[in-house]
């Protein structure tokens, strides 16, 4: 049975260079992922809009929806009376 050069398990300069290259590449990847995770975490915890602004916006949206629903209810009652 013939053993190819890729199946050699003896330590050599070539395998050490490949291992070192992969370790450097892995360290760069881990550092990059750590930085990206930190950026996402900071963006997720950032206060972009004040709580009071959200309350005012929510109350205005509620008011508009309430008016639309009252109009819809009035139209439904009128349709029932007409039919």
C-alpha atoms as a PDB file:
ATOM      1  CA  UNK A   1       0.000   0.000   0.000  1.00  0.00           C
ATOM      2  CA  UNK A   2       1.394   3.351  -1.010  1.00  0.00           C
ATOM      3  CA  UNK A   3       1.264   6.338   1.342  1.00  0.00           C
ATOM      4  CA  UNK A   4       0.862   9.733  -0.317  1.00  0.00           C
ATOM      5  CA  UNK A   5       2.629  12.912   0.725  1.00  0.00           C
ATOM      6  CA  UNK A   6      -0.614  14.262   2.212  1.00  0.00           C
ATOM      7  CA  UNK A   7      -0.815  11.354   4.656  1.00  0.00           C
ATOM      8  CA  UNK A   8       2.572  12.025   6.228  1.00  0.00           C
ATOM      9  CA  UNK A   9       2.207  12.705   9.960  1.00  0.00           C
ATOM     10  CA  UNK A  10       5.832  13.570  10.698  1.00  0.00           C
ATOM     11  CA  UNK A  11       6.357  17.174  11.836  1.00  0.00           C
ATOM     12  CA  UNK A  12       7.990  19.311   9.208  1.00  0.00           C
ATOM     13  CA  UNK A  13       8.476  22.927   8.246  1.00  0.00           C
ATOM     14  CA  UNK A  14       5.653  22.722   5.695  1.00  0.00           C
ATOM     15  CA  UNK A  15       3.072  21.406   8.119  1.00  0.00           C
ATOM     16  CA  UNK A  16       4.190  23.931  10.743  1.00  0.00           C
ATOM     17  CA  UNK A  17       3.789  26.759   8.226  1.00  0.00           C
ATOM     18  CA  UNK A  18       0.307  25.570   7.303  1.00  0.00           C
ATOM     19  CA  UNK A  19      -0.617  25.239  10.974  1.00  0.00           C
ATOM     20  CA  UNK A  20       0.759  28.725  11.738  1.00  0.00           C
ATOM     21  CA  UNK A  21      -1.115  30.196   8.778  1.00  0.00           C
ATOM     22  CA  UNK A  22      -4.372  28.611   9.925  1.00  0.00           C
ATOM     23  CA  UNK A  23      -3.796  29.835  13.488  1.00  0.00           C
ATOM     24  CA  UNK A  24      -3.216  33.405  12.278  1.00  0.00           C
ATOM     25  CA  UNK A  25      -6.278  33.205  10.029  1.00  0.00           C
ATOM     26  CA  UNK A  26      -8.329  31.868  12.961  1.00  0.00           C
ATOM     27  CA  UNK A  27      -7.106  34.653  15.265  1.00  0.00           C
ATOM     28  CA  UNK A  28      -8.094  37.273  12.679  1.00  0.00           C
ATOM     29  CA  UNK A  29     -11.536  35.676  12.298  1.00  0.00           C
ATOM     30  CA  UNK A  30     -12.136  35.523  16.047  1.00  0.00           C
ATOM     31  CA  UNK A  31     -11.078  39.158  16.482  1.00  0.00           C
ATOM     32  CA  UNK A  32     -13.350  40.217  13.631  1.00  0.00           C
ATOM     33  CA  UNK A  33     -16.310  38.279  15.061  1.00  0.00           C
ATOM     34  CA  UNK A  34     -15.682  39.746  18.518  1.00  0.00           C
ATOM     35  CA  UNK A  35     -15.700  43.266  17.072  1.00  0.00           C
ATOM     36  CA  UNK A  36     -18.871  42.645  15.063  1.00  0.00           C
ATOM     37  CA  UNK A  37     -20.591  41.189  18.133  1.00  0.00           C
ATOM     38  CA  UNK A  38     -19.588  44.233  20.192  1.00  0.00           C
ATOM     39  CA  UNK A  39     -20.969  46.611  17.541  1.00  0.00           C
ATOM     40  CA  UNK A  40     -24.290  44.726  17.372  1.00  0.00           C
ATOM     41  CA  UNK A  41     -24.524  44.697  21.164  1.00  0.00           C
ATOM     42  CA  UNK A  42     -23.897  48.453  21.366  1.00  0.00           C
ATOM     43  CA  UNK A  43     -26.471  49.169  18.644  1.00  0.00           C
ATOM     44  CA  UNK A  44     -29.046  46.940  20.352  1.00  0.00           C
ATOM     45  CA  UNK A  45     -28.584  48.719  23.696  1.00  0.00           C
ATOM     46  CA  UNK A  46     -28.486  52.252  22.275  1.00  0.00           C
ATOM     47  CA  UNK A  47     -31.286  54.638  23.166  1.00  0.00           C
ATOM     48  CA  UNK A  48     -32.236  56.058  19.792  1.00  0.00           C
ATOM     49  CA  UNK A  49     -35.662  57.469  20.665  1.00  0.00           C
ATOM     50  CA  UNK A  50     -36.679  58.890  24.037  1.00  0.00           C
ATOM     51  CA  UNK A  51     -39.484  57.124  25.919  1.00  0.00           C
ATOM     52  CA  UNK A  52     -41.646  60.267  25.908  1.00  0.00           C
ATOM     53  CA  UNK A  53     -41.479  60.459  22.110  1.00  0.00           C
ATOM     54  CA  UNK A  54     -42.705  56.887  21.849  1.00  0.00           C
ATOM     55  CA  UNK A  55     -45.591  57.588  24.259  1.00  0.00           C
ATOM     56  CA  UNK A  56     -46.698  60.650  22.260  1.00  0.00           C
ATOM     57  CA  UNK A  57     -46.463  58.743  18.967  1.00  0.00           C
ATOM     58  CA  UNK A  58     -48.372  55.782  20.434  1.00  0.00           C
ATOM     59  CA  UNK A  59     -51.152  58.034  21.763  1.00  0.00           C
ATOM     60  CA  UNK A  60     -51.524  59.725  18.371  1.00  0.00           C
ATOM     61  CA  UNK A  61     -51.688  56.399  16.562  1.00  0.00           C
ATOM     62  CA  UNK A  62     -54.309  55.225  19.084  1.00  0.00           C
ATOM     63  CA  UNK A  63     -56.356  58.370  18.470  1.00  0.00           C
ATOM     64  CA  UNK A  64     -56.275  57.926  14.692  1.00  0.00           C
ATOM     65  CA  UNK A  65     -57.192  54.226  14.944  1.00  0.00           C
ATOM     66  CA  UNK A  66     -59.996  55.038  17.367  1.00  0.00           C
ATOM     67  CA  UNK A  67     -61.496  57.603  14.988  1.00  0.00           C
ATOM     68  CA  UNK A  68     -61.258  55.178  12.067  1.00  0.00           C
ATOM     69  CA  UNK A  69     -62.908  52.381  14.072  1.00  0.00           C
ATOM     70  CA  UNK A  70     -65.743  54.653  15.253  1.00  0.00           C
ATOM     71  CA  UNK A  71     -66.331  55.691  11.621  1.00  0.00           C
ATOM     72  CA  UNK A  72     -66.337  52.025  10.561  1.00  0.00           C
ATOM     73  CA  UNK A  73     -68.806  51.151  13.337  1.00  0.00           C
ATOM     74  CA  UNK A  74     -71.071  54.039  12.323  1.00  0.00           C
ATOM     75  CA  UNK A  75     -70.996  52.914   8.692  1.00  0.00           C
ATOM     76  CA  UNK A  76     -71.823  49.341   9.705  1.00  0.00           C
ATOM     77  CA  UNK A  77     -74.780  50.510  11.810  1.00  0.00           C
ATOM     78  CA  UNK A  78     -76.039  52.666   8.929  1.00  0.00           C
ATOM     79  CA  UNK A  79     -75.768  49.693   6.531  1.00  0.00           C
ATOM     80  CA  UNK A  80     -77.747  47.538   8.961  1.00  0.00           C
ATOM     81  CA  UNK A  81     -80.468  50.204   9.265  1.00  0.00           C
ATOM     82  CA  UNK A  82     -80.651  50.710   5.490  1.00  0.00           C
ATOM     83  CA  UNK A  83     -80.883  46.982   4.747  1.00  0.00           C
END
